[in-house]
Amino acid sequence: MNIDEVKRTIRQGSLAAQEAKKILVTVGTEAAEAEQLARLTVHDSRDDDAQAGLKILEDFGREVDLTVRRIDAAVEHADAYLATLG
Protein backbone atom coordinates (compact mmCIF):
# COMPACT_ATOMS: atom_id res chain seq x y z
CA MET A 1 0.00 0.00 0.00
CA ASN A 2 1.48 3.35 -0.98
CA ILE A 3 1.00 6.65 0.85
CA ASP A 4 -1.84 7.81 -1.41
CA GLU A 5 -3.74 4.59 -0.74
CA VAL A 6 -3.21 5.05 2.99
CA LYS A 7 -4.54 8.62 2.80
CA ARG A 8 -7.54 7.50 0.75
CA THR A 9 -8.31 4.73 3.23
CA ILE A 10 -8.10 7.15 6.18
CA ARG A 11 -10.38 9.64 4.41
CA GLN A 12 -12.90 6.89 3.64
CA GLY A 13 -12.81 5.83 7.28
CA SER A 14 -13.43 9.40 8.40
CA LEU A 15 -16.37 9.74 6.04
CA ALA A 16 -17.82 6.45 7.29
CA ALA A 17 -17.39 7.63 10.88
CA GLN A 18 -19.15 10.90 10.12
CA GLU A 19 -22.04 9.03 8.49
CA ALA A 20 -22.25 6.74 11.52
CA LYS A 21 -22.37 9.81 13.74
CA LYS A 22 -25.30 11.26 11.77
CA ILE A 23 -27.22 8.00 12.14
CA LEU A 24 -26.36 7.75 15.82
CA VAL A 25 -27.48 11.31 16.50
CA THR A 26 -30.80 10.57 14.79
CA VAL A 27 -31.26 7.39 16.81
CA GLY A 28 -30.28 9.27 19.98
CA THR A 29 -32.85 11.96 19.29
CA GLU A 30 -35.56 9.36 18.75
CA ALA A 31 -34.53 7.52 21.90
CA ALA A 32 -34.65 10.77 23.90
CA GLU A 33 -38.19 11.36 22.62
CA ALA A 34 -39.12 7.80 23.60
CA GLU A 35 -37.64 8.39 27.05
CA GLN A 36 -39.71 11.56 27.50
CA LEU A 37 -42.88 9.75 26.45
CA ALA A 38 -42.06 6.84 28.76
CA ARG A 39 -41.49 9.22 31.67
CA LEU A 40 -44.84 10.86 31.02
CA THR A 41 -46.51 7.48 30.79
CA VAL A 42 -45.10 6.08 34.04
CA HIS A 43 -44.60 9.36 35.90
CA ASP A 44 -46.15 8.13 39.13
CA SER A 45 -45.38 4.43 38.79
CA ARG A 46 -43.31 2.64 41.39
CA ASP A 47 -43.22 -0.54 39.34
CA ASP A 48 -39.69 -1.95 39.27
CA ASP A 49 -39.91 -2.89 35.59
CA ALA A 50 -41.08 0.60 34.64
CA GLN A 51 -38.23 2.18 36.57
CA ALA A 52 -35.74 -0.26 35.05
CA GLY A 53 -36.99 0.62 31.58
CA LEU A 54 -36.53 4.32 32.26
CA LYS A 55 -33.00 3.65 33.50
CA ILE A 56 -32.18 1.74 30.31
CA LEU A 57 -33.41 4.64 28.17
CA GLU A 58 -31.44 7.12 30.27
CA ASP A 59 -28.28 5.02 30.00
CA PHE A 60 -28.77 4.67 26.25
CA GLY A 61 -28.76 8.45 25.88
CA ARG A 62 -25.54 8.68 27.84
CA GLU A 63 -23.92 5.99 25.67
CA VAL A 64 -24.97 7.83 22.51
CA ASP A 65 -23.29 10.99 23.80
CA LEU A 66 -20.10 9.12 24.67
CA THR A 67 -19.99 7.39 21.31
CA VAL A 68 -20.51 10.65 19.43
CA ARG A 69 -17.57 12.13 21.34
CA ARG A 70 -15.45 9.09 20.50
CA ILE A 71 -16.31 9.41 16.81
CA ASP A 72 -15.42 13.12 16.86
CA ALA A 73 -12.10 12.32 18.52
CA ALA A 74 -11.34 9.57 16.00
CA VAL A 75 -12.02 11.89 13.06
CA GLU A 76 -9.86 14.60 14.65
CA HIS A 77 -7.00 12.14 15.13
CA ALA A 78 -7.37 10.88 11.56
CA ASP A 79 -7.27 14.46 10.26
CA ALA A 80 -4.16 15.17 12.33
CA TYR A 81 -2.50 12.03 10.97
CA LEU A 82 -3.38 13.02 7.41
CA ALA A 83 -1.84 16.45 8.02
CA THR A 84 1.32 14.76 9.29
CA LEU A 85 1.47 12.57 6.17
CA GLY A 86 1.19 15.67 4.02
PDB file of N, CA and C in Angstrom:
ATOM      1  N   MET A   1       0.867  -1.171   0.000  1.00  0.00           N
ATOM      2  CA  MET A   1       0.000   0.000   0.000  1.00  0.00           C
ATOM      3  C   MET A   1       0.912   1.232   0.000  1.00  0.00           C
ATOM      4  N   ASN A   2       0.671   2.136  -0.942  1.00  0.00           N
ATOM      5  CA  ASN A   2       1.476   3.352  -0.975  1.00  0.00           C
ATOM      6  C   ASN A   2       0.803   4.461  -0.155  1.00  0.00           C
ATOM      7  N   ILE A   3       1.480   5.573  -0.019  1.00  0.00           N
ATOM      8  CA  ILE A   3       1.001   6.654   0.847  1.00  0.00           C
ATOM      9  C   ILE A   3      -0.346   7.210   0.384  1.00  0.00           C
ATOM     10  N   ASP A   4      -0.556   7.308  -0.913  1.00  0.00           N
ATOM     11  CA  ASP A   4      -1.841   7.809  -1.415  1.00  0.00           C
ATOM     12  C   ASP A   4      -2.987   6.859  -1.065  1.00  0.00           C
ATOM     13  N   GLU A   5      -2.721   5.572  -1.124  1.00  0.00           N
ATOM     14  CA  GLU A   5      -3.745   4.591  -0.742  1.00  0.00           C
ATOM     15  C   GLU A   5      -4.042   4.673   0.749  1.00  0.00           C
ATOM     16  N   VAL A   6      -3.013   4.899   1.548  1.00  0.00           N
ATOM     17  CA  VAL A   6      -3.207   5.052   2.993  1.00  0.00           C
ATOM     18  C   VAL A   6      -4.080   6.269   3.264  1.00  0.00           C
ATOM     19  N   LYS A   7      -3.759   7.386   2.612  1.00  0.00           N
ATOM     20  CA  LYS A   7      -4.545   8.620   2.800  1.00  0.00           C
ATOM     21  C   LYS A   7      -5.999   8.407   2.383  1.00  0.00           C
ATOM     22  N   ARG A   8      -6.180   7.753   1.245  1.00  0.00           N
ATOM     23  CA  ARG A   8      -7.538   7.497   0.747  1.00  0.00           C
ATOM     24  C   ARG A   8      -8.323   6.630   1.736  1.00  0.00           C
ATOM     25  N   THR A   9      -7.663   5.621   2.261  1.00  0.00           N
ATOM     26  CA  THR A   9      -8.311   4.729   3.233  1.00  0.00           C
ATOM     27  C   THR A   9      -8.692   5.491   4.498  1.00  0.00           C
ATOM     28  N   ILE A  10      -7.805   6.353   4.980  1.00  0.00           N
ATOM     29  CA  ILE A  10      -8.096   7.147   6.177  1.00  0.00           C
ATOM     30  C   ILE A  10      -9.265   8.092   5.905  1.00  0.00           C
ATOM     31  N   ARG A  11      -9.270   8.723   4.753  1.00  0.00           N
ATOM     32  CA  ARG A  11     -10.381   9.636   4.411  1.00  0.00           C
ATOM     33  C   ARG A  11     -11.709   8.886   4.326  1.00  0.00           C
ATOM     34  N   GLN A  12     -11.676   7.705   3.732  1.00  0.00           N
ATOM     35  CA  GLN A  12     -12.898   6.893   3.643  1.00  0.00           C
ATOM     36  C   GLN A  12     -13.379   6.492   5.033  1.00  0.00           C
ATOM     37  N   GLY A  13     -12.446   6.163   5.905  1.00  0.00           N
ATOM     38  CA  GLY A  13     -12.807   5.827   7.281  1.00  0.00           C
ATOM     39  C   GLY A  13     -13.423   7.011   8.002  1.00  0.00           C
ATOM     40  N   SER A  14     -12.871   8.188   7.783  1.00  0.00           N
ATOM     41  CA  SER A  14     -13.429   9.397   8.404  1.00  0.00           C
ATOM     42  C   SER A  14     -14.835   9.683   7.898  1.00  0.00           C
ATOM     43  N   LEU A  15     -15.026   9.525   6.598  1.00  0.00           N
ATOM     44  CA  LEU A  15     -16.372   9.737   6.037  1.00  0.00           C
ATOM     45  C   LEU A  15     -17.366   8.727   6.606  1.00  0.00           C
ATOM     46  N   ALA A  16     -16.946   7.480   6.717  1.00  0.00           N
ATOM     47  CA  ALA A  16     -17.824   6.452   7.287  1.00  0.00           C
ATOM     48  C   ALA A  16     -18.150   6.778   8.744  1.00  0.00           C
ATOM     49  N   ALA A  17     -17.161   7.254   9.481  1.00  0.00           N
ATOM     50  CA  ALA A  17     -17.389   7.626  10.883  1.00  0.00           C
ATOM     51  C   ALA A  17     -18.369   8.789  10.982  1.00  0.00           C
ATOM     52  N   GLN A  18     -18.230   9.756  10.104  1.00  0.00           N
ATOM     53  CA  GLN A  18     -19.148  10.903  10.124  1.00  0.00           C
ATOM     54  C   GLN A  18     -20.575  10.486   9.765  1.00  0.00           C
ATOM     55  N   GLU A  19     -20.711   9.561   8.829  1.00  0.00           N
ATOM     56  CA  GLU A  19     -22.039   9.035   8.493  1.00  0.00           C
ATOM     57  C   GLU A  19     -22.628   8.267   9.679  1.00  0.00           C
ATOM     58  N   ALA A  20     -21.797   7.482  10.335  1.00  0.00           N
ATOM     59  CA  ALA A  20     -22.252   6.740  11.517  1.00  0.00           C
ATOM     60  C   ALA A  20     -22.713   7.710  12.596  1.00  0.00           C
ATOM     61  N   LYS A  21     -21.989   8.805  12.748  1.00  0.00           N
ATOM     62  CA  LYS A  21     -22.366   9.814  13.742  1.00  0.00           C
ATOM     63  C   LYS A  21     -23.740  10.402  13.420  1.00  0.00           C
ATOM     64  N   LYS A  22     -23.987  10.706  12.159  1.00  0.00           N
ATOM     65  CA  LYS A  22     -25.297  11.255  11.765  1.00  0.00           C
ATOM     66  C   LYS A  22     -26.420  10.290  12.139  1.00  0.00           C
ATOM     67  N   ILE A  23     -26.209   9.022  11.826  1.00  0.00           N
ATOM     68  CA  ILE A  23     -27.217   8.004  12.136  1.00  0.00           C
ATOM     69  C   ILE A  23     -27.403   7.896  13.645  1.00  0.00           C
ATOM     70  N   LEU A  24     -26.306   7.878  14.365  1.00  0.00           N
ATOM     71  CA  LEU A  24     -26.361   7.752  15.820  1.00  0.00           C
ATOM     72  C   LEU A  24     -27.069   8.934  16.464  1.00  0.00           C
ATOM     73  N   VAL A  25     -26.810  10.129  15.968  1.00  0.00           N
ATOM     74  CA  VAL A  25     -27.482  11.312  16.503  1.00  0.00           C
ATOM     75  C   VAL A  25     -28.989  11.220  16.258  1.00  0.00           C
ATOM     76  N   THR A  26     -29.377  10.750  15.085  1.00  0.00           N
ATOM     77  CA  THR A  26     -30.803  10.571  14.785  1.00  0.00           C
ATOM     78  C   THR A  26     -31.435   9.550  15.725  1.00  0.00           C
ATOM     79  N   VAL A  27     -30.759   8.431  15.905  1.00  0.00           N
ATOM     80  CA  VAL A  27     -31.259   7.393  16.813  1.00  0.00           C
ATOM     81  C   VAL A  27     -31.325   7.934  18.240  1.00  0.00           C
ATOM     82  N   GLY A  28     -30.300   8.678  18.636  1.00  0.00           N
ATOM     83  CA  GLY A  28     -30.282   9.267  19.977  1.00  0.00           C
ATOM     84  C   GLY A  28     -31.428  10.226  20.206  1.00  0.00           C
ATOM     85  N   THR A  29     -31.728  11.024  19.197  1.00  0.00           N
ATOM     86  CA  THR A  29     -32.851  11.964  19.293  1.00  0.00           C
ATOM     87  C   THR A  29     -34.172  11.215  19.444  1.00  0.00           C
ATOM     88  N   GLU A  30     -34.338  10.163  18.654  1.00  0.00           N
ATOM     89  CA  GLU A  30     -35.563   9.364  18.748  1.00  0.00           C
ATOM     90  C   GLU A  30     -35.660   8.659  20.096  1.00  0.00           C
ATOM     91  N   ALA A  31     -34.526   8.186  20.595  1.00  0.00           N
ATOM     92  CA  ALA A  31     -34.529   7.520  21.904  1.00  0.00           C
ATOM     93  C   ALA A  31     -34.850   8.518  23.016  1.00  0.00           C
ATOM     94  N   ALA A  32     -34.353   9.737  22.895  1.00  0.00           N
ATOM     95  CA  ALA A  32     -34.653  10.771  23.897  1.00  0.00           C
ATOM     96  C   ALA A  32     -36.147  11.095  23.893  1.00  0.00           C
ATOM     97  N   GLU A  33     -36.739  11.131  22.706  1.00  0.00           N
ATOM     98  CA  GLU A  33     -38.188  11.358  22.615  1.00  0.00           C
ATOM     99  C   GLU A  33     -38.946  10.195  23.247  1.00  0.00           C
ATOM    100  N   ALA A  34     -38.486   8.983  22.999  1.00  0.00           N
ATOM    101  CA  ALA A  34     -39.118   7.804  23.604  1.00  0.00           C
ATOM    102  C   ALA A  34     -38.991   7.847  25.116  1.00  0.00           C
ATOM    103  N   GLU A  35     -37.834   8.282  25.598  1.00  0.00           N
ATOM    104  CA  GLU A  35     -37.641   8.386  27.050  1.00  0.00           C
ATOM    105  C   GLU A  35     -38.608   9.406  27.654  1.00  0.00           C
ATOM    106  N   GLN A  36     -38.773  10.548  27.000  1.00  0.00           N
ATOM    107  CA  GLN A  36     -39.709  11.561  27.500  1.00  0.00           C
ATOM    108  C   GLN A  36     -41.132  11.018  27.544  1.00  0.00           C
ATOM    109  N   LEU A  37     -41.530  10.338  26.485  1.00  0.00           N
ATOM    110  CA  LEU A  37     -42.880   9.755  26.454  1.00  0.00           C
ATOM    111  C   LEU A  37     -43.038   8.690  27.534  1.00  0.00           C
ATOM    112  N   ALA A  38     -42.009   7.884  27.721  1.00  0.00           N
ATOM    113  CA  ALA A  38     -42.063   6.844  28.756  1.00  0.00           C
ATOM    114  C   ALA A  38     -42.168   7.478  30.136  1.00  0.00           C
ATOM    115  N   ARG A  39     -41.416   8.539  30.373  1.00  0.00           N
ATOM    116  CA  ARG A  39     -41.485   9.221  31.675  1.00  0.00           C
ATOM    117  C   ARG A  39     -42.876   9.803  31.927  1.00  0.00           C
ATOM    118  N   LEU A  40     -43.482  10.341  30.874  1.00  0.00           N
ATOM    119  CA  LEU A  40     -44.841  10.863  31.019  1.00  0.00           C
ATOM    120  C   LEU A  40     -45.833   9.733  31.302  1.00  0.00           C
ATOM    121  N   THR A  41     -45.596   8.616  30.648  1.00  0.00           N
ATOM    122  CA  THR A  41     -46.508   7.484  30.789  1.00  0.00           C
ATOM    123  C   THR A  41     -46.449   6.866  32.186  1.00  0.00           C
ATOM    124  N   VAL A  42     -45.259   6.757  32.744  1.00  0.00           N
ATOM    125  CA  VAL A  42     -45.100   6.079  34.036  1.00  0.00           C
ATOM    126  C   VAL A  42     -44.691   7.052  35.144  1.00  0.00           C
ATOM    127  N   HIS A  43     -45.082   8.304  34.999  1.00  0.00           N
ATOM    128  CA  HIS A  43     -44.596   9.359  35.900  1.00  0.00           C
ATOM    129  C   HIS A  43     -44.838   9.072  37.386  1.00  0.00           C
ATOM    130  N   ASP A  44     -45.886   8.387  37.713  1.00  0.00           N
ATOM    131  CA  ASP A  44     -46.150   8.126  39.134  1.00  0.00           C
ATOM    132  C   ASP A  44     -46.073   6.631  39.474  1.00  0.00           C
ATOM    133  N   SER A  45     -45.490   5.876  38.570  1.00  0.00           N
ATOM    134  CA  SER A  45     -45.383   4.431  38.789  1.00  0.00           C
ATOM    135  C   SER A  45     -44.187   4.104  39.681  1.00  0.00           C
ATOM    136  N   ARG A  46     -44.407   3.142  40.552  1.00  0.00           N
ATOM    137  CA  ARG A  46     -43.308   2.636  41.386  1.00  0.00           C
ATOM    138  C   ARG A  46     -42.935   1.215  40.975  1.00  0.00           C
ATOM    139  N   ASP A  47     -43.489   0.797  39.857  1.00  0.00           N
ATOM    140  CA  ASP A  47     -43.223  -0.537  39.343  1.00  0.00           C
ATOM    141  C   ASP A  47     -41.733  -0.674  39.007  1.00  0.00           C
ATOM    142  N   ASP A  48     -41.117  -1.737  39.486  1.00  0.00           N
ATOM    143  CA  ASP A  48     -39.687  -1.950  39.267  1.00  0.00           C
ATOM    144  C   ASP A  48     -39.330  -2.056  37.787  1.00  0.00           C
ATOM    145  N   ASP A  49     -40.185  -2.737  37.026  1.00  0.00           N
ATOM    146  CA  ASP A  49     -39.914  -2.889  35.594  1.00  0.00           C
ATOM    147  C   ASP A  49     -39.995  -1.543  34.871  1.00  0.00           C
ATOM    148  N   ALA A  50     -40.950  -0.723  35.251  1.00  0.00           N
ATOM    149  CA  ALA A  50     -41.080   0.604  34.639  1.00  0.00           C
ATOM    150  C   ALA A  50     -39.853   1.451  34.943  1.00  0.00           C
ATOM    151  N   GLN A  51     -39.413   1.413  36.183  1.00  0.00           N
ATOM    152  CA  GLN A  51     -38.228   2.183  36.566  1.00  0.00           C
ATOM    153  C   GLN A  51     -36.974   1.650  35.876  1.00  0.00           C
ATOM    154  N   ALA A  52     -36.881   0.341  35.741  1.00  0.00           N
ATOM    155  CA  ALA A  52     -35.736  -0.262  35.053  1.00  0.00           C
ATOM    156  C   ALA A  52     -35.718   0.150  33.585  1.00  0.00           C
ATOM    157  N   GLY A  53     -36.891   0.184  32.979  1.00  0.00           N
ATOM    158  CA  GLY A  53     -36.991   0.618  31.583  1.00  0.00           C
ATOM    159  C   GLY A  53     -36.546   2.053  31.404  1.00  0.00           C
ATOM    160  N   LEU A  54     -36.957   2.922  32.319  1.00  0.00           N
ATOM    161  CA  LEU A  54     -36.526   4.323  32.262  1.00  0.00           C
ATOM    162  C   LEU A  54     -35.015   4.438  32.407  1.00  0.00           C
ATOM    163  N   LYS A  55     -34.452   3.637  33.281  1.00  0.00           N
ATOM    164  CA  LYS A  55     -33.002   3.652  33.496  1.00  0.00           C
ATOM    165  C   LYS A  55     -32.272   3.220  32.230  1.00  0.00           C
ATOM    166  N   ILE A  56     -32.793   2.210  31.560  1.00  0.00           N
ATOM    167  CA  ILE A  56     -32.180   1.742  30.312  1.00  0.00           C
ATOM    168  C   ILE A  56     -32.189   2.854  29.268  1.00  0.00           C
ATOM    169  N   LEU A  57     -33.320   3.542  29.129  1.00  0.00           N
ATOM    170  CA  LEU A  57     -33.406   4.637  28.171  1.00  0.00           C
ATOM    171  C   LEU A  57     -32.454   5.773  28.529  1.00  0.00           C
ATOM    172  N   GLU A  58     -32.354   6.066  29.800  1.00  0.00           N
ATOM    173  CA  GLU A  58     -31.442   7.116  30.267  1.00  0.00           C
ATOM    174  C   GLU A  58     -29.992   6.734  29.960  1.00  0.00           C
ATOM    175  N   ASP A  59     -29.640   5.494  30.258  1.00  0.00           N
ATOM    176  CA  ASP A  59     -28.282   5.016  30.001  1.00  0.00           C
ATOM    177  C   ASP A  59     -27.967   5.007  28.504  1.00  0.00           C
ATOM    178  N   PHE A  60     -28.961   4.684  27.700  1.00  0.00           N
ATOM    179  CA  PHE A  60     -28.767   4.672  26.252  1.00  0.00           C
ATOM    180  C   PHE A  60     -28.386   6.066  25.770  1.00  0.00           C
ATOM    181  N   GLY A  61     -29.080   7.072  26.255  1.00  0.00           N
ATOM    182  CA  GLY A  61     -28.762   8.453  25.876  1.00  0.00           C
ATOM    183  C   GLY A  61     -27.337   8.826  26.241  1.00  0.00           C
ATOM    184  N   ARG A  62     -26.901   8.405  27.402  1.00  0.00           N
ATOM    185  CA  ARG A  62     -25.536   8.682  27.845  1.00  0.00           C
ATOM    186  C   ARG A  62     -24.525   7.972  26.928  1.00  0.00           C
ATOM    187  N   GLU A  63     -24.814   6.737  26.554  1.00  0.00           N
ATOM    188  CA  GLU A  63     -23.916   5.993  25.669  1.00  0.00           C
ATOM    189  C   GLU A  63     -23.853   6.619  24.280  1.00  0.00           C
ATOM    190  N   VAL A  64     -24.972   7.133  23.805  1.00  0.00           N
ATOM    191  CA  VAL A  64     -24.972   7.826  22.514  1.00  0.00           C
ATOM    192  C   VAL A  64     -24.039   9.031  22.586  1.00  0.00           C
ATOM    193  N   ASP A  65     -24.157   9.816  23.639  1.00  0.00           N
ATOM    194  CA  ASP A  65     -23.294  10.989  23.798  1.00  0.00           C
ATOM    195  C   ASP A  65     -21.820  10.601  23.834  1.00  0.00           C
ATOM    196  N   LEU A  66     -21.494   9.570  24.591  1.00  0.00           N
ATOM    197  CA  LEU A  66     -20.101   9.117  24.671  1.00  0.00           C
ATOM    198  C   LEU A  66     -19.584   8.637  23.318  1.00  0.00           C
ATOM    199  N   THR A  67     -20.411   7.917  22.604  1.00  0.00           N
ATOM    200  CA  THR A  67     -19.995   7.388  21.311  1.00  0.00           C
ATOM    201  C   THR A  67     -19.801   8.501  20.294  1.00  0.00           C
ATOM    202  N   VAL A  68     -20.667   9.500  20.323  1.00  0.00           N
ATOM    203  CA  VAL A  68     -20.509  10.649  19.428  1.00  0.00           C
ATOM    204  C   VAL A  68     -19.181  11.348  19.713  1.00  0.00           C
ATOM    205  N   ARG A  69     -18.854  11.503  20.988  1.00  0.00           N
ATOM    206  CA  ARG A  69     -17.570  12.131  21.338  1.00  0.00           C
ATOM    207  C   ARG A  69     -16.393  11.287  20.860  1.00  0.00           C
ATOM    208  N   ARG A  70     -16.523   9.976  20.967  1.00  0.00           N
ATOM    209  CA  ARG A  70     -15.447   9.092  20.497  1.00  0.00           C
ATOM    210  C   ARG A  70     -15.277   9.196  18.975  1.00  0.00           C
ATOM    211  N   ILE A  71     -16.381   9.264  18.274  1.00  0.00           N
ATOM    212  CA  ILE A  71     -16.314   9.413  16.815  1.00  0.00           C
ATOM    213  C   ILE A  71     -15.644  10.730  16.462  1.00  0.00           C
ATOM    214  N   ASP A  72     -16.046  11.814  17.121  1.00  0.00           N
ATOM    215  CA  ASP A  72     -15.423  13.120  16.864  1.00  0.00           C
ATOM    216  C   ASP A  72     -13.921  13.067  17.109  1.00  0.00           C
ATOM    217  N   ALA A  73     -13.524  12.432  18.195  1.00  0.00           N
ATOM    218  CA  ALA A  73     -12.097  12.321  18.517  1.00  0.00           C
ATOM    219  C   ALA A  73     -11.364  11.493  17.468  1.00  0.00           C
ATOM    220  N   ALA A  74     -11.970  10.412  17.015  1.00  0.00           N
ATOM    221  CA  ALA A  74     -11.340   9.566  16.002  1.00  0.00           C
ATOM    222  C   ALA A  74     -11.128  10.332  14.702  1.00  0.00           C
ATOM    223  N   VAL A  75     -12.138  11.099  14.296  1.00  0.00           N
ATOM    224  CA  VAL A  75     -12.017  11.889  13.064  1.00  0.00           C
ATOM    225  C   VAL A  75     -10.939  12.964  13.233  1.00  0.00           C
ATOM    226  N   GLU A  76     -10.892  13.600  14.397  1.00  0.00           N
ATOM    227  CA  GLU A  76      -9.856  14.600  14.648  1.00  0.00           C
ATOM    228  C   GLU A  76      -8.467  13.979  14.566  1.00  0.00           C
ATOM    229  N   HIS A  77      -8.295  12.815  15.162  1.00  0.00           N
ATOM    230  CA  HIS A  77      -6.999  12.140  15.125  1.00  0.00           C
ATOM    231  C   HIS A  77      -6.636  11.722  13.698  1.00  0.00           C
ATOM    232  N   ALA A  78      -7.620  11.256  12.952  1.00  0.00           N
ATOM    233  CA  ALA A  78      -7.371  10.877  11.557  1.00  0.00           C
ATOM    234  C   ALA A  78      -6.953  12.098  10.747  1.00  0.00           C
ATOM    235  N   ASP A  79      -7.626  13.225  10.966  1.00  0.00           N
ATOM    236  CA  ASP A  79      -7.268  14.459  10.258  1.00  0.00           C
ATOM    237  C   ASP A  79      -5.855  14.907  10.615  1.00  0.00           C
ATOM    238  N   ALA A  80      -5.505  14.789  11.881  1.00  0.00           N
ATOM    239  CA  ALA A  80      -4.163  15.170  12.328  1.00  0.00           C
ATOM    240  C   ALA A  80      -3.117  14.255  11.679  1.00  0.00           C
ATOM    241  N   TYR A  81      -3.425  12.979  11.594  1.00  0.00           N
ATOM    242  CA  TYR A  81      -2.503  12.034  10.975  1.00  0.00           C
ATOM    243  C   TYR A  81      -2.350  12.338   9.488  1.00  0.00           C
ATOM    244  N   LEU A  82      -3.453  12.653   8.823  1.00  0.00           N
ATOM    245  CA  LEU A  82      -3.382  13.024   7.412  1.00  0.00           C
ATOM    246  C   LEU A  82      -2.516  14.268   7.222  1.00  0.00           C
ATOM    247  N   ALA A  83      -2.658  15.235   8.113  1.00  0.00           N
ATOM    248  CA  ALA A  83      -1.840  16.453   8.023  1.00  0.00           C
ATOM    249  C   ALA A  83      -0.357  16.123   8.195  1.00  0.00           C
ATOM    250  N   THR A  84      -0.071  15.171   9.064  1.00  0.00           N
ATOM    251  CA  THR A  84       1.316  14.757   9.289  1.00  0.00           C
ATOM    252  C   THR A  84       1.878  14.055   8.039  1.00  0.00           C
ATOM    253  N   LEU A  85       1.030  13.266   7.382  1.00  0.00           N
ATOM    254  CA  LEU A  85       1.466  12.566   6.172  1.00  0.00           C
ATOM    255  C   LEU A  85       1.704  13.531   4.999  1.00  0.00           C
ATOM    256  N   GLY A  86       0.999  14.660   5.068  1.00  0.00           N
ATOM    257  CA  GLY A  86       1.195  15.673   4.020  1.00  0.00           C
ATOM    258  C   GLY A  86       0.268  15.597   2.881  1.00  0.00           C
TER     259      GLY A  86
END
